[in-house]
């Protein structure tokens, strides 16, 4: 082979494209929480009041404490998407709740994650970089 750099460039391009697709897939899964809520919701801050725990054969999901509603009432509920985030007791979270029923809540992001929109933009940028690298290698 007279141009070994071409092989490396195409391998790296495929890697960046695959990684970008993986990030996009994770971002779309992160947005699934908003689909579970069913409405755009109102954004607020909260904290994880109790982490997930096991009692015998029963696994109890984490609970989030947040202030919501017309009277700024404090709620302590299990998020609809608790299975999608690592929720440790004491961590701050950004949540969205249904204004009509403030007891329905989803976690948008935690201290250890970014917004799903940020992941979506990064994933698209990685895919574009992978395609650009592949085109540059072939040209």
Protein backbone atom coordinates (compact mmCIF):
# COMPACT_ATOMS: atom_id res chain seq x y z
CA UNK A 1 0.00 0.00 0.00
CA UNK A 2 1.52 3.28 -1.06
CA UNK A 3 -0.56 5.54 1.23
CA UNK A 4 -0.82 4.08 4.75
CA UNK A 5 -2.07 7.42 6.11
CA UNK A 6 -5.27 6.96 4.07
CA UNK A 7 -6.09 3.78 5.97
CA UNK A 8 -5.47 5.47 9.31
CA UNK A 9 -7.50 8.53 8.30
CA UNK A 10 -10.47 6.38 7.27
CA UNK A 11 -10.25 4.31 10.46
CA UNK A 12 -10.20 7.47 12.59
CA UNK A 13 -13.08 8.94 10.55
CA UNK A 14 -15.16 5.81 11.13
CA UNK A 15 -14.32 5.92 14.84
CA UNK A 16 -15.36 9.56 15.24
CA UNK A 17 -18.55 8.91 13.28
CA UNK A 18 -19.43 5.90 15.43
CA UNK A 19 -18.68 7.81 18.65
CA UNK A 20 -20.80 10.75 17.47
CA UNK A 21 -23.68 8.38 16.70
CA UNK A 22 -23.36 6.89 20.17
CA UNK A 23 -23.48 10.33 21.80
CA UNK A 24 -26.54 11.29 19.72
CA UNK A 25 -28.28 8.07 20.75
CA UNK A 26 -27.59 8.83 24.42
CA UNK A 27 -28.92 12.37 24.00
CA UNK A 28 -32.14 11.11 22.46
CA UNK A 29 -32.54 8.65 25.33
CA UNK A 30 -32.02 11.57 27.72
CA UNK A 31 -34.82 13.50 26.05
CA UNK A 32 -37.10 10.52 26.55
CA UNK A 33 -37.85 11.82 30.05
CA UNK A 34 -39.56 14.88 28.60
CA UNK A 35 -41.68 12.61 26.41
CA UNK A 36 -42.67 10.64 29.51
CA UNK A 37 -43.81 13.86 31.18
CA UNK A 38 -45.99 14.65 28.17
CA UNK A 39 -45.73 18.45 28.46
CA UNK A 40 -42.83 20.89 28.25
CA UNK A 41 -43.02 21.39 31.99
CA UNK A 42 -41.62 24.01 34.30
CA UNK A 43 -37.93 23.88 35.13
CA UNK A 44 -36.72 24.05 38.73
CA UNK A 45 -33.84 22.93 40.92
CA UNK A 46 -34.01 20.17 43.46
CA UNK A 47 -31.93 17.60 45.26
CA UNK A 48 -31.94 13.85 45.63
CA UNK A 49 -33.55 13.26 49.01
CA UNK A 50 -33.08 9.49 49.06
CA UNK A 51 -31.04 7.32 46.74
CA UNK A 52 -32.23 3.99 45.34
CA UNK A 53 -32.33 1.22 47.90
CA UNK A 54 -33.12 -2.47 48.11
CA UNK A 55 -35.27 -4.05 50.81
CA UNK A 56 -35.30 -7.79 50.27
CA UNK A 57 -36.54 -8.47 46.75
CA UNK A 58 -38.02 -4.98 46.32
CA UNK A 59 -35.96 -2.15 44.78
CA UNK A 60 -37.17 1.33 45.65
CA UNK A 61 -36.20 4.08 43.18
CA UNK A 62 -34.60 7.36 44.25
CA UNK A 63 -36.71 10.27 45.46
CA UNK A 64 -36.21 13.91 44.51
CA UNK A 65 -37.14 16.91 46.66
CA UNK A 66 -38.16 20.08 44.81
CA UNK A 67 -40.37 23.15 45.19
CA UNK A 68 -43.21 23.57 42.71
CA UNK A 69 -46.80 24.56 42.18
CA UNK A 70 -48.80 27.73 42.70
CA UNK A 71 -48.08 27.83 46.45
CA UNK A 72 -44.39 26.90 46.12
CA UNK A 73 -45.02 23.62 47.89
CA UNK A 74 -42.20 21.15 48.54
CA UNK A 75 -42.62 17.71 46.95
CA UNK A 76 -40.67 14.52 47.51
CA UNK A 77 -41.41 12.20 44.59
CA UNK A 78 -39.87 9.51 42.43
CA UNK A 79 -39.05 10.89 38.95
CA UNK A 80 -40.67 9.26 35.93
CA UNK A 81 -37.20 8.69 34.45
CA UNK A 82 -35.33 7.63 37.60
CA UNK A 83 -33.88 4.63 35.73
CA UNK A 84 -32.04 6.90 33.26
CA UNK A 85 -29.88 8.81 35.76
CA UNK A 86 -27.47 7.98 38.55
CA UNK A 87 -29.20 9.62 41.51
CA UNK A 88 -27.15 9.72 44.71
CA UNK A 89 -28.51 11.19 47.91
CA UNK A 90 -27.57 14.85 48.35
CA UNK A 91 -26.78 15.57 44.68
CA UNK A 92 -28.39 18.59 43.06
CA UNK A 93 -30.63 17.98 40.04
CA UNK A 94 -32.48 20.05 37.48
CA UNK A 95 -36.04 18.80 37.09
CA UNK A 96 -39.11 19.63 35.03
CA UNK A 97 -42.56 19.17 36.50
CA UNK A 98 -46.06 19.28 35.04
CA UNK A 99 -47.67 22.62 36.05
CA UNK A 100 -51.11 20.98 36.11
CA UNK A 101 -49.92 18.14 38.33
CA UNK A 102 -46.70 19.17 40.15
CA UNK A 103 -46.31 15.63 41.52
CA UNK A 104 -45.26 14.42 38.07
CA UNK A 105 -41.56 15.15 37.59
CA UNK A 106 -38.64 14.13 35.36
CA UNK A 107 -34.92 14.70 35.88
CA UNK A 108 -33.34 16.77 33.10
CA UNK A 109 -29.76 16.67 34.35
CA UNK A 110 -27.67 15.94 37.41
CA UNK A 111 -24.36 17.28 38.73
CA UNK A 112 -22.54 14.59 36.76
CA UNK A 113 -24.23 15.19 33.40
CA UNK A 114 -25.04 17.89 30.89
CA UNK A 115 -28.33 18.79 29.29
CA UNK A 116 -29.51 16.36 26.57
CA UNK A 117 -29.36 19.26 24.11
CA UNK A 118 -25.66 19.76 24.83
CA UNK A 119 -25.01 16.08 24.17
CA UNK A 120 -27.02 16.30 20.94
CA UNK A 121 -24.96 19.24 19.64
CA UNK A 122 -21.68 17.52 20.59
CA UNK A 123 -22.78 14.28 18.90
CA UNK A 124 -23.66 16.08 15.67
CA UNK A 125 -20.33 17.93 15.76
CA UNK A 126 -18.45 14.63 16.20
CA UNK A 127 -20.33 13.06 13.27
CA UNK A 128 -19.59 16.06 11.05
CA UNK A 129 -15.92 15.87 12.07
CA UNK A 130 -15.82 12.15 11.20
CA UNK A 131 -17.41 12.69 7.81
CA UNK A 132 -15.10 15.65 7.12
CA UNK A 133 -12.05 13.60 8.05
CA UNK A 134 -13.18 10.80 5.75
CA UNK A 135 -13.79 13.18 2.85
CA UNK A 136 -10.42 14.86 3.44
CA UNK A 137 -8.72 11.43 3.42
CA UNK A 138 -10.32 10.48 0.12
CA UNK A 139 -9.62 13.82 -1.58
